[in-house]
Every structure is written in C-alpha cells, then in structure tokens.
Amino acid sequence: MAMTFHCDIVSAEREIFSGLIKMVVAPGTEGELGIIYGHAPLLTALEPGPVRVVMDNDNEDEQVYYVSGGYLEVQPYHVTILADTALRAGDMDEAAAEEAKEQALKQLTNQSGEIDYSRAAIELAEAAAQLRTLQSIRKRLGSNK
C-alpha cells in the first residue's frame, strides 16, 4: 500500500478538491513536477496547465484539473495548490476555450494600437493551456480503452 498525503486545490472563488492522494503532478515554472509522500518542503509558482491527482484507492484513479497559474506548497503530509482559476476537467468548455484563443489571436494581430497586448497574450496562453489540458485528457481516455 502506497503512502498517502492530504491535498487541497483552491481557486480564488472556491475549494476545488480536498482529500487523501498518492501523487500530484503539476505544471511548475521549470517544468512538470511530481509530488509523492515524503517530498521535501517546497514553494513554487505554477504555469497554466493540467494538474493530475492520483487518488488513494485500489484503482489509482486519476483526476485532472486545470489551473491558470498560481502556487504549489509542499509541507510534511500536506500539499496545497493555490490557483487564480482552477477547474475540474468536466467543467471545462472546449468550444469556449477555442473561441477565447481565436479572440486573443485576433487582438494580437490587430494593428490599430488600441489593444492591451500583454492582456491578449495572457488570454492566449490561458486558452491554449486549457486546450492542451483537454487534449491530454482525451488522449489519456483514448489510450485506456
């Protein structure tokens, strides 16, 4: 039996997940990082992308969440992910993410000068990360069939 630890995923609006898990994989600023029981204390920034949580059950089910960035803190026996925005994979809307990506691309190519380029770039990065998360979920589900 694998050792477990407590994990909380919290957005600015609400708590998304709280429970015992075996592992969490998150998109750190220096690349993906995996946390298991006994990991050294750590505080790191997160990039937009998927957070995978391996559950504490016999099947080792995996849940996927999207975070728009934030922080991950590792303490003994406890991991906390504080995200600006966090969504369950089932709550994500692929059509809306694709539309947001298209709108951000249009704004970035707009030559009128009446655009906040940094905001459009952030929106583009977030939409692209949501789409990558959905594609990752779809790929994982397809490979398990």
Protein backbone atom coordinates (compact mmCIF):
# COMPACT_ATOMS: atom_id res chain seq x y z
CA MET A 1 0.00 0.00 0.00
CA ALA A 2 1.40 3.37 -1.04
CA MET A 3 1.74 6.16 1.47
CA THR A 4 -0.77 8.99 1.15
CA PHE A 5 -0.90 12.67 1.98
CA HIS A 6 -3.55 15.37 2.04
CA CYS A 7 -4.02 17.69 -0.95
CA ASP A 8 -6.08 20.86 -1.31
CA ILE A 9 -6.68 22.61 -4.63
CA VAL A 10 -8.16 26.06 -4.07
CA SER A 11 -9.08 28.81 -6.52
CA ALA A 12 -9.86 32.43 -5.76
CA GLU A 13 -13.56 31.52 -5.84
CA ARG A 14 -13.75 28.17 -4.02
CA GLU A 15 -12.17 24.93 -2.94
CA ILE A 16 -11.99 22.55 -5.90
CA PHE A 17 -10.54 19.42 -4.26
CA SER A 18 -9.62 18.22 -0.78
CA GLY A 19 -8.64 14.67 0.09
CA LEU A 20 -6.02 11.97 0.51
CA ILE A 21 -3.96 11.17 -2.57
CA LYS A 22 -0.94 9.13 -3.64
CA MET A 23 0.59 11.63 -6.07
CA VAL A 24 0.07 15.02 -7.70
CA VAL A 25 1.71 16.24 -10.92
CA ALA A 26 1.61 19.98 -11.62
CA PRO A 27 3.00 22.38 -14.28
CA GLY A 28 5.79 24.21 -12.45
CA THR A 29 7.58 27.17 -13.99
CA GLU A 30 10.67 24.99 -14.57
CA GLY A 31 8.67 22.03 -15.93
CA GLU A 32 6.30 19.37 -14.63
CA LEU A 33 6.85 18.31 -11.06
CA GLY A 34 5.56 15.26 -9.28
CA ILE A 35 4.92 15.15 -5.56
CA ILE A 36 4.62 11.93 -3.56
CA TYR A 37 4.54 11.15 0.16
CA GLY A 38 7.69 12.39 1.91
CA HIS A 39 8.61 15.10 -0.63
CA ALA A 40 10.82 17.86 0.75
CA PRO A 41 9.10 21.14 1.66
CA LEU A 42 8.73 23.33 -1.40
CA LEU A 43 7.08 26.51 -2.64
CA THR A 44 6.94 27.09 -6.39
CA ALA A 45 4.98 29.07 -8.95
CA LEU A 46 2.73 27.22 -11.38
CA GLU A 47 2.20 27.79 -15.09
CA PRO A 48 -1.22 27.45 -16.71
CA GLY A 49 -1.97 23.80 -17.43
CA PRO A 50 -3.20 20.47 -16.12
CA VAL A 51 -2.82 19.21 -12.55
CA ARG A 52 -3.10 15.43 -12.29
CA VAL A 53 -4.11 13.86 -8.99
CA VAL A 54 -3.69 10.11 -8.39
CA MET A 55 -6.35 9.11 -5.91
CA ASP A 56 -5.99 6.95 -2.81
CA ASN A 57 -7.98 3.94 -3.99
CA ASP A 58 -7.33 0.45 -5.33
CA ASN A 59 -7.73 1.55 -8.97
CA GLU A 60 -5.41 4.55 -8.52
CA ASP A 61 -7.94 6.67 -10.42
CA GLU A 62 -6.60 9.90 -11.80
CA GLN A 63 -8.45 13.21 -11.72
CA VAL A 64 -7.39 16.12 -13.89
CA TYR A 65 -7.86 19.81 -13.08
CA TYR A 66 -6.91 22.95 -14.99
CA VAL A 67 -5.10 25.79 -13.20
CA SER A 68 -4.44 29.19 -14.76
CA GLY A 69 -1.29 29.61 -12.70
CA GLY A 70 -0.70 30.11 -9.01
CA TYR A 71 1.45 28.43 -6.37
CA LEU A 72 2.11 24.96 -5.06
CA GLU A 73 3.23 24.49 -1.47
CA VAL A 74 4.54 21.21 -0.06
CA GLN A 75 4.56 20.73 3.70
CA PRO A 76 5.01 17.45 5.59
CA TYR A 77 1.94 15.31 4.80
CA HIS A 78 0.14 18.17 3.01
CA VAL A 79 0.18 19.81 -0.44
CA THR A 80 -1.74 22.98 -1.25
CA ILE A 81 -2.31 24.38 -4.73
CA LEU A 82 -3.46 27.99 -4.73
CA ALA A 83 -4.67 28.97 -8.19
CA ASP A 84 -6.14 32.13 -9.65
CA THR A 85 -8.56 29.92 -11.55
CA ALA A 86 -9.00 26.17 -11.12
CA LEU A 87 -11.50 23.99 -12.94
CA ARG A 88 -12.41 20.34 -12.88
CA ALA A 89 -11.81 18.72 -16.24
CA GLY A 90 -15.54 18.04 -16.58
CA ASP A 91 -16.33 21.73 -16.08
CA MET A 92 -14.15 22.89 -18.96
CA ASP A 93 -15.78 24.04 -22.20
CA GLU A 94 -13.64 23.26 -25.23
CA ALA A 95 -15.68 25.47 -27.56
CA ALA A 96 -15.34 28.44 -25.20
CA ALA A 97 -11.58 27.87 -24.87
CA GLU A 98 -11.22 27.68 -28.65
CA GLU A 99 -13.25 30.90 -29.03
CA ALA A 100 -11.11 32.66 -26.38
CA LYS A 101 -7.98 31.56 -28.23
CA GLU A 102 -9.31 32.91 -31.54
CA GLN A 103 -10.30 36.23 -29.95
CA ALA A 104 -6.88 36.63 -28.35
CA LEU A 105 -5.17 35.87 -31.67
CA LYS A 106 -7.36 38.48 -33.42
CA GLN A 107 -6.48 41.06 -30.77
CA LEU A 108 -2.77 40.35 -31.11
CA THR A 109 -2.89 40.75 -34.89
CA ASN A 110 -4.97 43.96 -34.64
CA GLN A 111 -2.80 46.78 -35.98
CA SER A 112 -4.95 49.65 -34.64
CA GLY A 113 -2.89 50.13 -31.48
CA GLU A 114 -6.00 50.18 -29.27
CA ILE A 115 -5.18 46.83 -27.69
CA ASP A 116 -3.57 45.74 -24.46
CA TYR A 117 -1.05 43.30 -25.93
CA SER A 118 0.05 41.89 -22.59
CA ARG A 119 -3.55 41.09 -21.62
CA ALA A 120 -4.21 39.49 -25.02
CA ALA A 121 -1.04 37.38 -24.67
CA ILE A 122 -2.13 36.20 -21.22
CA GLU A 123 -5.59 35.29 -22.54
CA LEU A 124 -3.99 33.40 -25.44
CA ALA A 125 -1.69 31.45 -23.09
CA GLU A 126 -4.59 30.53 -20.77
CA ALA A 127 -6.83 29.40 -23.64
CA ALA A 128 -4.00 27.35 -25.16
CA ALA A 129 -3.31 25.73 -21.77
CA GLN A 130 -6.98 24.82 -21.37
CA LEU A 131 -6.99 23.24 -24.82
CA ARG A 132 -3.80 21.29 -24.04
CA THR A 133 -5.41 20.05 -20.83
CA LEU A 134 -8.50 18.87 -22.70
CA GLN A 135 -6.35 17.19 -25.37
CA SER A 136 -4.30 15.46 -22.67
CA ILE A 137 -7.48 14.14 -21.04
CA ARG A 138 -8.85 12.95 -24.38
CA LYS A 139 -5.56 11.23 -25.23
CA ARG A 140 -5.41 9.52 -21.82
CA LEU A 141 -9.01 8.31 -22.10
CA GLY A 142 -8.39 7.05 -25.63
CA SER A 143 -5.33 5.07 -24.56
CA ASN A 144 -7.20 3.40 -21.68
CA LYS A 145 -9.89 1.89 -23.93
